[in-house]
PDB file of N, CA and C in Angstrom:
ATOM      1  N   UNK A   1     114.680  55.840 -30.088  1.00  0.00           N
ATOM      2  CA  UNK A   1     113.601  56.374 -29.285  1.00  0.00           C
ATOM      3  C   UNK A   1     113.732  55.805 -27.874  1.00  0.00           C
ATOM      4  N   UNK A   2     113.470  56.655 -26.907  1.00  0.00           N
ATOM      5  CA  UNK A   2     113.477  56.216 -25.524  1.00  0.00           C
ATOM      6  C   UNK A   2     112.281  55.300 -25.292  1.00  0.00           C
ATOM      7  N   UNK A   3     112.494  54.179 -24.617  1.00  0.00           N
ATOM      8  CA  UNK A   3     111.439  53.170 -24.519  1.00  0.00           C
ATOM      9  C   UNK A   3     110.264  53.608 -23.649  1.00  0.00           C
ATOM     10  N   UNK A   4     110.536  54.271 -22.528  1.00  0.00           N
ATOM     11  CA  UNK A   4     109.445  54.670 -21.643  1.00  0.00           C
ATOM     12  C   UNK A   4     108.714  55.905 -22.152  1.00  0.00           C
ATOM     13  N   UNK A   5     109.439  56.802 -22.794  1.00  0.00           N
ATOM     14  CA  UNK A   5     108.842  58.043 -23.300  1.00  0.00           C
ATOM     15  C   UNK A   5     108.884  58.032 -24.821  1.00  0.00           C
ATOM     16  N   UNK A   6     107.940  58.695 -25.444  1.00  0.00           N
ATOM     17  CA  UNK A   6     107.893  58.726 -26.898  1.00  0.00           C
ATOM     18  C   UNK A   6     108.563  59.983 -27.427  1.00  0.00           C
ATOM     19  N   UNK A   7     109.875  60.073 -27.245  1.00  0.00           N
ATOM     20  CA  UNK A   7     110.603  61.202 -27.802  1.00  0.00           C
ATOM     21  C   UNK A   7     111.955  60.742 -28.323  1.00  0.00           C
ATOM     22  N   UNK A   8     112.546  61.575 -29.191  1.00  0.00           N
ATOM     23  CA  UNK A   8     113.875  61.316 -29.736  1.00  0.00           C
ATOM     24  C   UNK A   8     114.790  62.406 -29.203  1.00  0.00           C
ATOM     25  N   UNK A   9     115.965  62.011 -28.713  1.00  0.00           N
ATOM     26  CA  UNK A   9     116.852  62.952 -28.041  1.00  0.00           C
ATOM     27  C   UNK A   9     118.119  63.173 -28.853  1.00  0.00           C
ATOM     28  N   UNK A  10     118.699  64.361 -28.676  1.00  0.00           N
ATOM     29  CA  UNK A  10     119.982  64.689 -29.280  1.00  0.00           C
ATOM     30  C   UNK A  10     120.671  65.748 -28.452  1.00  0.00           C
ATOM     31  N   UNK A  11     121.998  65.714 -28.431  1.00  0.00           N
ATOM     32  CA  UNK A  11     122.783  66.713 -27.710  1.00  0.00           C
ATOM     33  C   UNK A  11     123.681  67.411 -28.714  1.00  0.00           C
ATOM     34  N   UNK A  12     123.698  68.749 -28.665  1.00  0.00           N
ATOM     35  CA  UNK A  12     124.557  69.526 -29.543  1.00  0.00           C
ATOM     36  C   UNK A  12     125.434  70.459 -28.737  1.00  0.00           C
ATOM     37  N   UNK A  13     126.658  70.688 -29.224  1.00  0.00           N
ATOM     38  CA  UNK A  13     127.576  71.614 -28.560  1.00  0.00           C
ATOM     39  C   UNK A  13     128.166  72.556 -29.594  1.00  0.00           C
ATOM     40  N   UNK A  14     128.392  73.809 -29.176  1.00  0.00           N
ATOM     41  CA  UNK A  14     129.025  74.808 -30.039  1.00  0.00           C
ATOM     42  C   UNK A  14     129.646  75.852 -29.137  1.00  0.00           C
ATOM     43  N   UNK A  15     130.926  76.156 -29.334  1.00  0.00           N
ATOM     44  CA  UNK A  15     131.676  77.062 -28.453  1.00  0.00           C
ATOM     45  C   UNK A  15     131.505  76.593 -27.014  1.00  0.00           C
ATOM     46  N   UNK A  16     130.911  77.390 -26.145  1.00  0.00           N
ATOM     47  CA  UNK A  16     130.730  76.944 -24.757  1.00  0.00           C
ATOM     48  C   UNK A  16     129.268  76.625 -24.455  1.00  0.00           C
ATOM     49  N   UNK A  17     128.450  76.462 -25.484  1.00  0.00           N
ATOM     50  CA  UNK A  17     127.021  76.171 -25.308  1.00  0.00           C
ATOM     51  C   UNK A  17     126.752  74.673 -25.433  1.00  0.00           C
ATOM     52  N   UNK A  18     125.811  74.195 -24.647  1.00  0.00           N
ATOM     53  CA  UNK A  18     125.371  72.798 -24.715  1.00  0.00           C
ATOM     54  C   UNK A  18     123.847  72.801 -24.783  1.00  0.00           C
ATOM     55  N   UNK A  19     123.291  72.086 -25.771  1.00  0.00           N
ATOM     56  CA  UNK A  19     121.836  72.027 -25.943  1.00  0.00           C
ATOM     57  C   UNK A  19     121.372  70.577 -25.892  1.00  0.00           C
ATOM     58  N   UNK A  20     120.337  70.324 -25.091  1.00  0.00           N
ATOM     59  CA  UNK A  20     119.693  69.014 -25.042  1.00  0.00           C
ATOM     60  C   UNK A  20     118.346  69.143 -25.745  1.00  0.00           C
ATOM     61  N   UNK A  21     118.105  68.271 -26.713  1.00  0.00           N
ATOM     62  CA  UNK A  21     116.929  68.370 -27.575  1.00  0.00           C
ATOM     63  C   UNK A  21     116.032  67.159 -27.370  1.00  0.00           C
ATOM     64  N   UNK A  22     114.717  67.401 -27.372  1.00  0.00           N
ATOM     65  CA  UNK A  22     113.727  66.325 -27.397  1.00  0.00           C
ATOM     66  C   UNK A  22     112.740  66.618 -28.518  1.00  0.00           C
ATOM     67  N   UNK A  23     112.558  65.642 -29.402  1.00  0.00           N
ATOM     68  CA  UNK A  23     111.586  65.756 -30.492  1.00  0.00           C
ATOM     69  C   UNK A  23     110.411  64.829 -30.211  1.00  0.00           C
ATOM     70  N   UNK A  24     109.201  65.382 -30.309  1.00  0.00           N
ATOM     71  CA  UNK A  24     107.966  64.602 -30.176  1.00  0.00           C
ATOM     72  C   UNK A  24     107.126  64.831 -31.420  1.00  0.00           C
ATOM     73  N   UNK A  25     106.297  63.869 -31.779  1.00  0.00           N
ATOM     74  CA  UNK A  25     105.314  64.103 -32.830  1.00  0.00           C
ATOM     75  C   UNK A  25     104.336  65.146 -32.307  1.00  0.00           C
ATOM     76  N   UNK A  26     104.005  66.140 -33.132  1.00  0.00           N
ATOM     77  CA  UNK A  26     103.112  67.193 -32.657  1.00  0.00           C
ATOM     78  C   UNK A  26     102.779  68.200 -33.732  1.00  0.00           C
ATOM     79  N   UNK A  27     102.566  69.439 -33.286  1.00  0.00           N
ATOM     80  CA  UNK A  27     102.060  70.481 -34.181  1.00  0.00           C
ATOM     81  C   UNK A  27     103.087  71.546 -34.532  1.00  0.00           C
ATOM     82  N   UNK A  28     104.326  71.396 -34.078  1.00  0.00           N
ATOM     83  CA  UNK A  28     105.355  72.372 -34.416  1.00  0.00           C
ATOM     84  C   UNK A  28     105.684  73.336 -33.298  1.00  0.00           C
ATOM     85  N   UNK A  29     105.356  72.998 -32.053  1.00  0.00           N
ATOM     86  CA  UNK A  29     105.688  73.869 -30.916  1.00  0.00           C
ATOM     87  C   UNK A  29     107.198  73.885 -30.718  1.00  0.00           C
ATOM     88  N   UNK A  30     107.734  75.037 -30.301  1.00  0.00           N
ATOM     89  CA  UNK A  30     109.175  75.200 -30.103  1.00  0.00           C
ATOM     90  C   UNK A  30     109.400  75.827 -28.737  1.00  0.00           C
ATOM     91  N   UNK A  31     109.911  75.036 -27.796  1.00  0.00           N
ATOM     92  CA  UNK A  31     110.158  75.496 -26.425  1.00  0.00           C
ATOM     93  C   UNK A  31     111.658  75.558 -26.174  1.00  0.00           C
ATOM     94  N   UNK A  32     112.126  76.690 -25.646  1.00  0.00           N
ATOM     95  CA  UNK A  32     113.521  76.823 -25.236  1.00  0.00           C
ATOM     96  C   UNK A  32     113.533  77.158 -23.756  1.00  0.00           C
ATOM     97  N   UNK A  33     114.141  76.285 -22.958  1.00  0.00           N
ATOM     98  CA  UNK A  33     114.187  76.436 -21.504  1.00  0.00           C
ATOM     99  C   UNK A  33     112.792  76.673 -20.916  1.00  0.00           C
ATOM    100  N   UNK A  34     111.802  75.966 -21.457  1.00  0.00           N
ATOM    101  CA  UNK A  34     110.445  76.031 -20.932  1.00  0.00           C
ATOM    102  C   UNK A  34     109.608  77.184 -21.441  1.00  0.00           C
ATOM    103  N   UNK A  35     110.147  78.040 -22.309  1.00  0.00           N
ATOM    104  CA  UNK A  35     109.402  79.185 -22.836  1.00  0.00           C
ATOM    105  C   UNK A  35     109.160  79.008 -24.328  1.00  0.00           C
ATOM    106  N   UNK A  36     107.970  79.387 -24.777  1.00  0.00           N
ATOM    107  CA  UNK A  36     107.652  79.347 -26.201  1.00  0.00           C
ATOM    108  C   UNK A  36     108.313  80.550 -26.861  1.00  0.00           C
ATOM    109  N   UNK A  37     109.155  80.295 -27.857  1.00  0.00           N
ATOM    110  CA  UNK A  37     109.837  81.370 -28.582  1.00  0.00           C
ATOM    111  C   UNK A  37     109.678  81.127 -30.077  1.00  0.00           C
ATOM    112  N   UNK A  38     110.005  82.153 -30.868  1.00  0.00           N
ATOM    113  CA  UNK A  38     109.938  82.019 -32.319  1.00  0.00           C
ATOM    114  C   UNK A  38     111.090  81.141 -32.799  1.00  0.00           C
ATOM    115  N   UNK A  39     110.825  80.312 -33.793  1.00  0.00           N
ATOM    116  CA  UNK A  39     111.849  79.396 -34.305  1.00  0.00           C
ATOM    117  C   UNK A  39     112.899  80.190 -35.085  1.00  0.00           C
ATOM    118  N   UNK A  40     114.201  80.059 -34.746  1.00  0.00           N
ATOM    119  CA  UNK A  40     115.247  80.749 -35.500  1.00  0.00           C
ATOM    120  C   UNK A  40     115.331  80.229 -36.938  1.00  0.00           C
ATOM    121  N   UNK A  41     115.841  81.065 -37.830  1.00  0.00           N
ATOM    122  CA  UNK A  41     115.932  80.731 -39.251  1.00  0.00           C
ATOM    123  C   UNK A  41     116.745  79.455 -39.478  1.00  0.00           C
ATOM    124  N   UNK A  42     117.849  79.288 -38.749  1.00  0.00           N
ATOM    125  CA  UNK A  42     118.699  78.108 -38.929  1.00  0.00           C
ATOM    126  C   UNK A  42     117.942  76.823 -38.598  1.00  0.00           C
ATOM    127  N   UNK A  43     117.082  76.885 -37.581  1.00  0.00           N
ATOM    128  CA  UNK A  43     116.285  75.712 -37.200  1.00  0.00           C
ATOM    129  C   UNK A  43     115.218  75.447 -38.261  1.00  0.00           C
ATOM    130  N   UNK A  44     114.621  76.504 -38.811  1.00  0.00           N
ATOM    131  CA  UNK A  44     113.629  76.327 -39.883  1.00  0.00           C
ATOM    132  C   UNK A  44     114.262  75.649 -41.092  1.00  0.00           C
ATOM    133  N   UNK A  45     115.510  76.041 -41.413  1.00  0.00           N
ATOM    134  CA  UNK A  45     116.196  75.460 -42.574  1.00  0.00           C
ATOM    135  C   UNK A  45     116.363  73.952 -42.428  1.00  0.00           C
ATOM    136  N   UNK A  46     116.819  73.531 -41.251  1.00  0.00           N
ATOM    137  CA  UNK A  46     117.065  72.094 -41.056  1.00  0.00           C
ATOM    138  C   UNK A  46     115.759  71.304 -41.107  1.00  0.00           C
ATOM    139  N   UNK A  47     114.672  71.869 -40.600  1.00  0.00           N
ATOM    140  CA  UNK A  47     113.379  71.182 -40.660  1.00  0.00           C
ATOM    141  C   UNK A  47     112.841  71.141 -42.088  1.00  0.00           C
ATOM    142  N   UNK A  48     113.108  72.192 -42.886  1.00  0.00           N
ATOM    143  CA  UNK A  48     112.680  72.208 -44.285  1.00  0.00           C
ATOM    144  C   UNK A  48     113.414  71.145 -45.103  1.00  0.00           C
ATOM    145  N   UNK A  49     114.700  70.946 -44.811  1.00  0.00           N
ATOM    146  CA  UNK A  49     115.498  69.976 -45.561  1.00  0.00           C
ATOM    147  C   UNK A  49     114.912  68.569 -45.437  1.00  0.00           C
ATOM    148  N   UNK A  50     114.454  68.215 -44.244  1.00  0.00           N
ATOM    149  CA  UNK A  50     113.899  66.869 -44.028  1.00  0.00           C
ATOM    150  C   UNK A  50     112.371  66.863 -44.082  1.00  0.00           C
ATOM    151  N   UNK A  51     111.773  67.990 -44.465  1.00  0.00           N
ATOM    152  CA  UNK A  51     110.319  68.116 -44.645  1.00  0.00           C
ATOM    153  C   UNK A  51     109.554  67.740 -43.374  1.00  0.00           C
ATOM    154  N   UNK A  52     109.964  68.326 -42.244  1.00  0.00           N
ATOM    155  CA  UNK A  52     109.300  68.066 -40.965  1.00  0.00           C
ATOM    156  C   UNK A  52     108.771  69.350 -40.319  1.00  0.00           C
ATOM    157  N   UNK A  53     108.668  70.432 -41.076  1.00  0.00           N
ATOM    158  CA  UNK A  53     108.172  71.687 -40.528  1.00  0.00           C
ATOM    159  C   UNK A  53     106.721  71.526 -40.089  1.00  0.00           C
ATOM    160  N   UNK A  54     106.432  71.873 -38.835  1.00  0.00           N
ATOM    161  CA  UNK A  54     105.076  71.788 -38.309  1.00  0.00           C
ATOM    162  C   UNK A  54     104.617  70.396 -37.923  1.00  0.00           C
ATOM    163  N   UNK A  55     105.506  69.405 -38.015  1.00  0.00           N
ATOM    164  CA  UNK A  55     105.118  68.030 -37.690  1.00  0.00           C
ATOM    165  C   UNK A  55     105.731  67.545 -36.380  1.00  0.00           C
ATOM    166  N   UNK A  56     106.696  68.312 -35.845  1.00  0.00           N
ATOM    167  CA  UNK A  56     107.400  67.899 -34.632  1.00  0.00           C
ATOM    168  C   UNK A  56     107.348  68.996 -33.583  1.00  0.00           C
ATOM    169  N   UNK A  57     107.149  68.602 -32.334  1.00  0.00           N
ATOM    170  CA  UNK A  57     107.316  69.525 -31.210  1.00  0.00           C
ATOM    171  C   UNK A  57     108.763  69.420 -30.756  1.00  0.00           C
ATOM    172  N   UNK A  58     109.418  70.567 -30.595  1.00  0.00           N
ATOM    173  CA  UNK A  58     110.827  70.597 -30.219  1.00  0.00           C
ATOM    174  C   UNK A  58     110.948  71.232 -28.843  1.00  0.00           C
ATOM    175  N   UNK A  59     111.559  70.500 -27.926  1.00  0.00           N
ATOM    176  CA  UNK A  59     111.819  71.009 -26.586  1.00  0.00           C
ATOM    177  C   UNK A  59     113.329  71.084 -26.395  1.00  0.00           C
ATOM    178  N   UNK A  60     113.823  72.261 -25.987  1.00  0.00           N
ATOM    179  CA  UNK A  60     115.261  72.507 -25.898  1.00  0.00           C
ATOM    180  C   UNK A  60     115.619  72.974 -24.495  1.00  0.00           C
ATOM    181  N   UNK A  61     116.694  72.418 -23.952  1.00  0.00           N
ATOM    182  CA  UNK A  61     117.319  72.964 -22.749  1.00  0.00           C
ATOM    183  C   UNK A  61     118.724  73.360 -23.171  1.00  0.00           C
ATOM    184  N   UNK A  62     119.023  74.659 -23.109  1.00  0.00           N
ATOM    185  CA  UNK A  62     120.330  75.143 -23.573  1.00  0.00           C
ATOM    186  C   UNK A  62     120.980  75.966 -22.475  1.00  0.00           C
ATOM    187  N   UNK A  63     122.285  75.754 -22.300  1.00  0.00           N
ATOM    188  CA  UNK A  63     123.046  76.443 -21.264  1.00  0.00           C
ATOM    189  C   UNK A  63     124.366  76.931 -21.843  1.00  0.00           C
ATOM    190  N   UNK A  64     124.846  78.070 -21.339  1.00  0.00           N
ATOM    191  CA  UNK A  64     126.177  78.569 -21.664  1.00  0.00           C
ATOM    192  C   UNK A  64     126.247  79.312 -22.979  1.00  0.00           C
ATOM    193  N   UNK A  65     127.258  80.170 -23.097  1.00  0.00           N
ATOM    194  CA  UNK A  65     127.534  80.863 -24.341  1.00  0.00           C
ATOM    195  C   UNK A  65     126.554  81.970 -24.657  1.00  0.00           C
ATOM    196  N   UNK A  66     126.654  82.487 -25.875  1.00  0.00           N
ATOM    197  CA  UNK A  66     125.787  83.558 -26.347  1.00  0.00           C
ATOM    198  C   UNK A  66     124.791  83.041 -27.364  1.00  0.00           C
ATOM    199  N   UNK A  67     124.127  83.969 -28.042  1.00  0.00           N
ATOM    200  CA  UNK A  67     123.061  83.602 -28.972  1.00  0.00           C
ATOM    201  C   UNK A  67     123.580  82.709 -30.101  1.00  0.00           C
ATOM    202  N   UNK A  68     124.668  83.116 -30.732  1.00  0.00           N
ATOM    203  CA  UNK A  68     125.200  82.379 -31.876  1.00  0.00           C
ATOM    204  C   UNK A  68     125.609  80.957 -31.495  1.00  0.00           C
ATOM    205  N   UNK A  69     126.317  80.821 -30.386  1.00  0.00           N
ATOM    206  CA  UNK A  69     126.738  79.501 -29.934  1.00  0.00           C
ATOM    207  C   UNK A  69     125.562  78.627 -29.552  1.00  0.00           C
ATOM    208  N   UNK A  70     124.553  79.231 -28.915  1.00  0.00           N
ATOM    209  CA  UNK A  70     123.384  78.461 -28.509  1.00  0.00           C
ATOM    210  C   UNK A  70     122.600  77.964 -29.715  1.00  0.00           C
ATOM    211  N   UNK A  71     122.419  78.819 -30.725  1.00  0.00           N
ATOM    212  CA  UNK A  71     121.689  78.389 -31.926  1.00  0.00           C
ATOM    213  C   UNK A  71     122.467  77.289 -32.645  1.00  0.00           C
ATOM    214  N   UNK A  72     123.793  77.426 -32.720  1.00  0.00           N
ATOM    215  CA  UNK A  72     124.613  76.381 -33.335  1.00  0.00           C
ATOM    216  C   UNK A  72     124.488  75.050 -32.613  1.00  0.00           C
ATOM    217  N   UNK A  73     124.463  75.100 -31.287  1.00  0.00           N
ATOM    218  CA  UNK A  73     124.309  73.880 -30.490  1.00  0.00           C
ATOM    219  C   UNK A  73     122.927  73.268 -30.701  1.00  0.00           C
ATOM    220  N   UNK A  74     121.901  74.109 -30.774  1.00  0.00           N
ATOM    221  CA  UNK A  74     120.533  73.629 -30.987  1.00  0.00           C
ATOM    222  C   UNK A  74     120.413  72.944 -32.347  1.00  0.00           C
ATOM    223  N   UNK A  75     120.993  73.548 -33.384  1.00  0.00           N
ATOM    224  CA  UNK A  75     120.913  72.978 -34.732  1.00  0.00           C
ATOM    225  C   UNK A  75     121.590  71.606 -34.778  1.00  0.00           C
ATOM    226  N   UNK A  76     122.769  71.483 -34.174  1.00  0.00           N
ATOM    227  CA  UNK A  76     123.460  70.191 -34.159  1.00  0.00           C
ATOM    228  C   UNK A  76     122.652  69.153 -33.379  1.00  0.00           C
ATOM    229  N   UNK A  77     122.083  69.554 -32.253  1.00  0.00           N
ATOM    230  CA  UNK A  77     121.273  68.633 -31.456  1.00  0.00           C
ATOM    231  C   UNK A  77     120.030  68.170 -32.196  1.00  0.00           C
ATOM    232  N   UNK A  78     119.372  69.090 -32.901  1.00  0.00           N
ATOM    233  CA  UNK A  78     118.184  68.720 -33.684  1.00  0.00           C
ATOM    234  C   UNK A  78     118.571  67.758 -34.803  1.00  0.00           C
ATOM    235  N   UNK A  79     119.701  68.020 -35.468  1.00  0.00           N
ATOM    236  CA  UNK A  79     120.157  67.130 -36.537  1.00  0.00           C
ATOM    237  C   UNK A  79     120.397  65.721 -36.005  1.00  0.00           C
ATOM    238  N   UNK A  80     121.041  65.624 -34.844  1.00  0.00           N
ATOM    239  CA  UNK A  80     121.307  64.303 -34.261  1.00  0.00           C
ATOM    240  C   UNK A  80     120.010  63.609 -33.847  1.00  0.00           C
ATOM    241  N   UNK A  81     119.050  64.370 -33.326  1.00  0.00           N
ATOM    242  CA  UNK A  81     117.764  63.783 -32.942  1.00  0.00           C
ATOM    243  C   UNK A  81     116.979  63.327 -34.177  1.00  0.00           C
ATOM    244  N   UNK A  82     117.070  64.082 -35.280  1.00  0.00           N
ATOM    245  CA  UNK A  82     116.384  63.692 -36.513  1.00  0.00           C
ATOM    246  C   UNK A  82     116.960  62.394 -37.078  1.00  0.00           C
ATOM    247  N   UNK A  83     118.278  62.213 -36.956  1.00  0.00           N
ATOM    248  CA  UNK A  83     118.894  60.961 -37.409  1.00  0.00           C
ATOM    249  C   UNK A  83     118.415  59.801 -36.545  1.00  0.00           C
ATOM    250  N   UNK A  84     118.232  60.042 -35.250  1.00  0.00           N
ATOM    251  CA  UNK A  84     117.689  59.008 -34.363  1.00  0.00           C
ATOM    252  C   UNK A  84     116.238  58.691 -34.742  1.00  0.00           C
ATOM    253  N   UNK A  85     115.499  59.713 -35.170  1.00  0.00           N
ATOM    254  CA  UNK A  85     114.115  59.540 -35.605  1.00  0.00           C
ATOM    255  C   UNK A  85     114.041  58.690 -36.870  1.00  0.00           C
ATOM    256  N   UNK A  86     114.907  59.019 -37.846  1.00  0.00           N
ATOM    257  CA  UNK A  86     114.900  58.303 -39.122  1.00  0.00           C
ATOM    258  C   UNK A  86     116.324  58.280 -39.674  1.00  0.00           C
ATOM    259  N   UNK A  87     116.907  57.102 -39.759  1.00  0.00           N
ATOM    260  CA  UNK A  87     118.300  56.948 -40.199  1.00  0.00           C
ATOM    261  C   UNK A  87     118.504  57.425 -41.642  1.00  0.00           C
ATOM    262  N   UNK A  88     117.441  57.481 -42.447  1.00  0.00           N
ATOM    263  CA  UNK A  88     117.554  57.921 -43.841  1.00  0.00           C
ATOM    264  C   UNK A  88     117.910  59.403 -43.951  1.00  0.00           C
ATOM    265  N   UNK A  89     117.682  60.166 -42.884  1.00  0.00           N
ATOM    266  CA  UNK A  89     118.018  61.594 -42.904  1.00  0.00           C
ATOM    267  C   UNK A  89     119.522  61.835 -42.826  1.00  0.00           C
ATOM    268  N   UNK A  90     120.290  60.810 -42.419  1.00  0.00           N
ATOM    269  CA  UNK A  90     121.719  61.002 -42.169  1.00  0.00           C
ATOM    270  C   UNK A  90     122.466  61.545 -43.392  1.00  0.00           C
ATOM    271  N   UNK A  91     122.267  60.943 -44.562  1.00  0.00           N
ATOM    272  CA  UNK A  91     123.013  61.377 -45.748  1.00  0.00           C
ATOM    273  C   UNK A  91     122.616  62.794 -46.162  1.00  0.00           C
ATOM    274  N   UNK A  92     121.336  63.115 -46.082  1.00  0.00           N
ATOM    275  CA  UNK A  92     120.865  64.458 -46.441  1.00  0.00           C
ATOM    276  C   UNK A  92     121.458  65.510 -45.517  1.00  0.00           C
ATOM    277  N   UNK A  93     121.405  65.241 -44.214  1.00  0.00           N
ATOM    278  CA  UNK A  93     121.919  66.203 -43.241  1.00  0.00           C
ATOM    279  C   UNK A  93     123.436  66.298 -43.297  1.00  0.00           C
ATOM    280  N   UNK A  94     124.110  65.181 -43.581  1.00  0.00           N
ATOM    281  CA  UNK A  94     125.572  65.188 -43.687  1.00  0.00           C
ATOM    282  C   UNK A  94     126.006  66.049 -44.874  1.00  0.00           C
ATOM    283  N   UNK A  95     125.326  65.901 -46.028  1.00  0.00           N
ATOM    284  CA  UNK A  95     125.669  66.696 -47.209  1.00  0.00           C
ATOM    285  C   UNK A  95     125.444  68.178 -46.968  1.00  0.00           C
ATOM    286  N   UNK A  96     124.406  68.511 -46.198  1.00  0.00           N
ATOM    287  CA  UNK A  96     124.105  69.915 -45.899  1.00  0.00           C
ATOM    288  C   UNK A  96     125.020  70.470 -44.809  1.00  0.00           C
ATOM    289  N   UNK A  97     125.804  69.597 -44.149  1.00  0.00           N
ATOM    290  CA  UNK A  97     126.762  70.042 -43.144  1.00  0.00           C
ATOM    291  C   UNK A  97     126.204  70.194 -41.743  1.00  0.00           C
ATOM    292  N   UNK A  98     125.031  69.642 -41.484  1.00  0.00           N
ATOM    293  CA  UNK A  98     124.398  69.820 -40.177  1.00  0.00           C
ATOM    294  C   UNK A  98     124.846  68.799 -39.128  1.00  0.00           C
ATOM    295  N   UNK A  99     125.525  67.741 -39.537  1.00  0.00           N
ATOM    296  CA  UNK A  99     125.966  66.738 -38.570  1.00  0.00           C
ATOM    297  C   UNK A  99     127.430  66.915 -38.176  1.00  0.00           C
ATOM    298  N   UNK A 100     128.059  67.981 -38.637  1.00  0.00           N
ATOM    299  CA  UNK A 100     129.456  68.241 -38.322  1.00  0.00           C
ATOM    300  C   UNK A 100     129.547  69.185 -37.135  1.00  0.00           C
ATOM    301  N   UNK A 101     130.272  68.783 -36.104  1.00  0.00           N
ATOM    302  CA  UNK A 101     130.476  69.615 -34.911  1.00  0.00           C
ATOM    303  C   UNK A 101     131.513  70.679 -35.255  1.00  0.00           C
ATOM    304  N   UNK A 102     131.160  71.957 -35.107  1.00  0.00           N
ATOM    305  CA  UNK A 102     132.076  73.067 -35.362  1.00  0.00           C
ATOM    306  C   UNK A 102     133.019  73.182 -34.164  1.00  0.00           C
ATOM    307  N   UNK A 103     134.274  72.798 -34.360  1.00  0.00           N
ATOM    308  CA  UNK A 103     135.223  72.687 -33.248  1.00  0.00           C
ATOM    309  C   UNK A 103     135.903  74.010 -32.906  1.00  0.00           C
ATOM    310  N   UNK A 104     135.571  75.096 -33.612  1.00  0.00           N
ATOM    311  CA  UNK A 104     136.246  76.370 -33.333  1.00  0.00           C
ATOM    312  C   UNK A 104     135.806  76.928 -31.986  1.00  0.00           C
ATOM    313  N   UNK A 105     136.779  77.202 -31.132  1.00  0.00           N
ATOM    314  CA  UNK A 105     136.507  77.833 -29.844  1.00  0.00           C
ATOM    315  C   UNK A 105     137.442  79.018 -29.682  1.00  0.00           C
ATOM    316  N   UNK A 106     137.162  79.865 -28.708  1.00  0.00           N
ATOM    317  CA  UNK A 106     137.962  81.055 -28.484  1.00  0.00           C
ATOM    318  C   UNK A 106     139.387  80.662 -28.103  1.00  0.00           C
ATOM    319  N   UNK A 107     140.361  81.318 -28.748  1.00  0.00           N
ATOM    320  CA  UNK A 107     141.767  81.070 -28.448  1.00  0.00           C
ATOM    321  C   UNK A 107     142.139  81.748 -27.135  1.00  0.00           C
ATOM    322  N   UNK A 108     142.953  81.102 -26.334  1.00  0.00           N
ATOM    323  CA  UNK A 108     143.295  81.642 -25.024  1.00  0.00           C
ATOM    324  C   UNK A 108     144.235  82.836 -25.131  1.00  0.00           C
ATOM    325  N   UNK A 109     144.177  83.716 -24.134  1.00  0.00           N
ATOM    326  CA  UNK A 109     145.077  84.860 -24.038  1.00  0.00           C
ATOM    327  C   UNK A 109     146.439  84.366 -23.568  1.00  0.00           C
ATOM    328  N   UNK A 110     147.509  84.880 -24.219  1.00  0.00           N
ATOM    329  CA  UNK A 110     148.862  84.492 -23.836  1.00  0.00           C
ATOM    330  C   UNK A 110     149.497  85.563 -22.961  1.00  0.00           C
ATOM    331  N   UNK A 111     150.389  85.170 -22.040  1.00  0.00           N
ATOM    332  CA  UNK A 111     151.071  86.155 -21.200  1.00  0.00           C
ATOM    333  C   UNK A 111     151.964  87.063 -22.041  1.00  0.00           C
ATOM    334  N   UNK A 112     151.990  88.345 -21.685  1.00  0.00           N
ATOM    335  CA  UNK A 112     152.802  89.313 -22.425  1.00  0.00           C
ATOM    336  C   UNK A 112     152.076  89.934 -23.602  1.00  0.00           C
ATOM    337  N   UNK A 113     150.902  89.414 -23.944  1.00  0.00           N
ATOM    338  CA  UNK A 113     150.102  89.969 -25.033  1.00  0.00           C
ATOM    339  C   UNK A 113     148.823  90.555 -24.454  1.00  0.00           C
ATOM    340  N   UNK A 114     148.217  91.489 -25.215  1.00  0.00           N
ATOM    341  CA  UNK A 114     146.988  92.118 -24.742  1.00  0.00           C
ATOM    342  C   UNK A 114     145.781  91.187 -24.897  1.00  0.00           C
ATOM    343  N   UNK A 115     145.766  90.436 -26.007  1.00  0.00           N
ATOM    344  CA  UNK A 115     144.700  89.466 -26.259  1.00  0.00           C
ATOM    345  C   UNK A 115     145.361  88.166 -26.712  1.00  0.00           C
ATOM    346  N   UNK A 116     144.646  87.325 -27.425  1.00  0.00           N
ATOM    347  CA  UNK A 116     145.214  86.047 -27.845  1.00  0.00           C
ATOM    348  C   UNK A 116     146.422  86.246 -28.768  1.00  0.00           C
ATOM    349  N   UNK A 117     146.341  87.231 -29.674  1.00  0.00           N
ATOM    350  CA  UNK A 117     147.434  87.472 -30.616  1.00  0.00           C
ATOM    351  C   UNK A 117     147.890  88.924 -30.660  1.00  0.00           C
ATOM    352  N   UNK A 118     147.087  89.831 -30.128  1.00  0.00           N
ATOM    353  CA  UNK A 118     147.382  91.263 -30.176  1.00  0.00           C
ATOM    354  C   UNK A 118     148.538  91.592 -29.243  1.00  0.00           C
ATOM    355  N   UNK A 119     149.652  92.044 -29.836  1.00  0.00           N
ATOM    356  CA  UNK A 119     150.823  92.419 -29.039  1.00  0.00           C
ATOM    357  C   UNK A 119     150.714  93.881 -28.623  1.00  0.00           C
ATOM    358  N   UNK A 120     151.406  94.263 -27.536  1.00  0.00           N
ATOM    359  CA  UNK A 120     151.407  95.678 -27.167  1.00  0.00           C
ATOM    360  C   UNK A 120     152.063  96.512 -28.267  1.00  0.00           C
ATOM    361  N   UNK A 121     151.662  97.771 -28.355  1.00  0.00           N
ATOM    362  CA  UNK A 121     152.229  98.646 -29.383  1.00  0.00           C
ATOM    363  C   UNK A 121     153.731  98.750 -29.187  1.00  0.00           C
ATOM    364  N   UNK A 122     154.458  98.735 -30.295  1.00  0.00           N
ATOM    365  CA  UNK A 122     155.916  98.714 -30.260  1.00  0.00           C
ATOM    366  C   UNK A 122     156.451  99.980 -30.914  1.00  0.00           C
ATOM    367  N   UNK A 123     157.378 100.670 -30.225  1.00  0.00           N
ATOM    368  CA  UNK A 123     157.977 101.890 -30.780  1.00  0.00           C
ATOM    369  C   UNK A 123     159.428 101.600 -31.125  1.00  0.00           C
ATOM    370  N   UNK A 124     159.807 101.935 -32.353  1.00  0.00           N
ATOM    371  CA  UNK A 124     161.179 101.673 -32.785  1.00  0.00           C
ATOM    372  C   UNK A 124     162.158 102.598 -32.074  1.00  0.00           C
ATOM    373  N   UNK A 125     161.777 103.878 -31.887  1.00  0.00           N
ATOM    374  CA  UNK A 125     162.659 104.854 -31.219  1.00  0.00           C
ATOM    375  C   UNK A 125     161.955 105.502 -30.063  1.00  0.00           C
TER     376      UNK A 125
END
């Protein structure tokens, strides 16, 4: 916990998205980039696993990537913040796979190819 402020922080990354998370004791408010939005299903799952649904206010700052990458980054950040909140959550979240950083990123395009692996059409004759 941060000494001056009463919150628990976590950072999550997925593809090209980066999410900064702050957890406070509260009523279950969920803010993304300063706006109140509906909690995604993946975030509800992680809160259900540790039985913290409706007990924490979650504030998120997320940048980069698309919806899928951003939600993945948010979930990892929340998992890391929950471990900071209570170290006993570590084994539960690890078994559920929420503390593992998904390292898959888009493969780069190679010269002479149309995409990362797609070669131009080839005619035998």
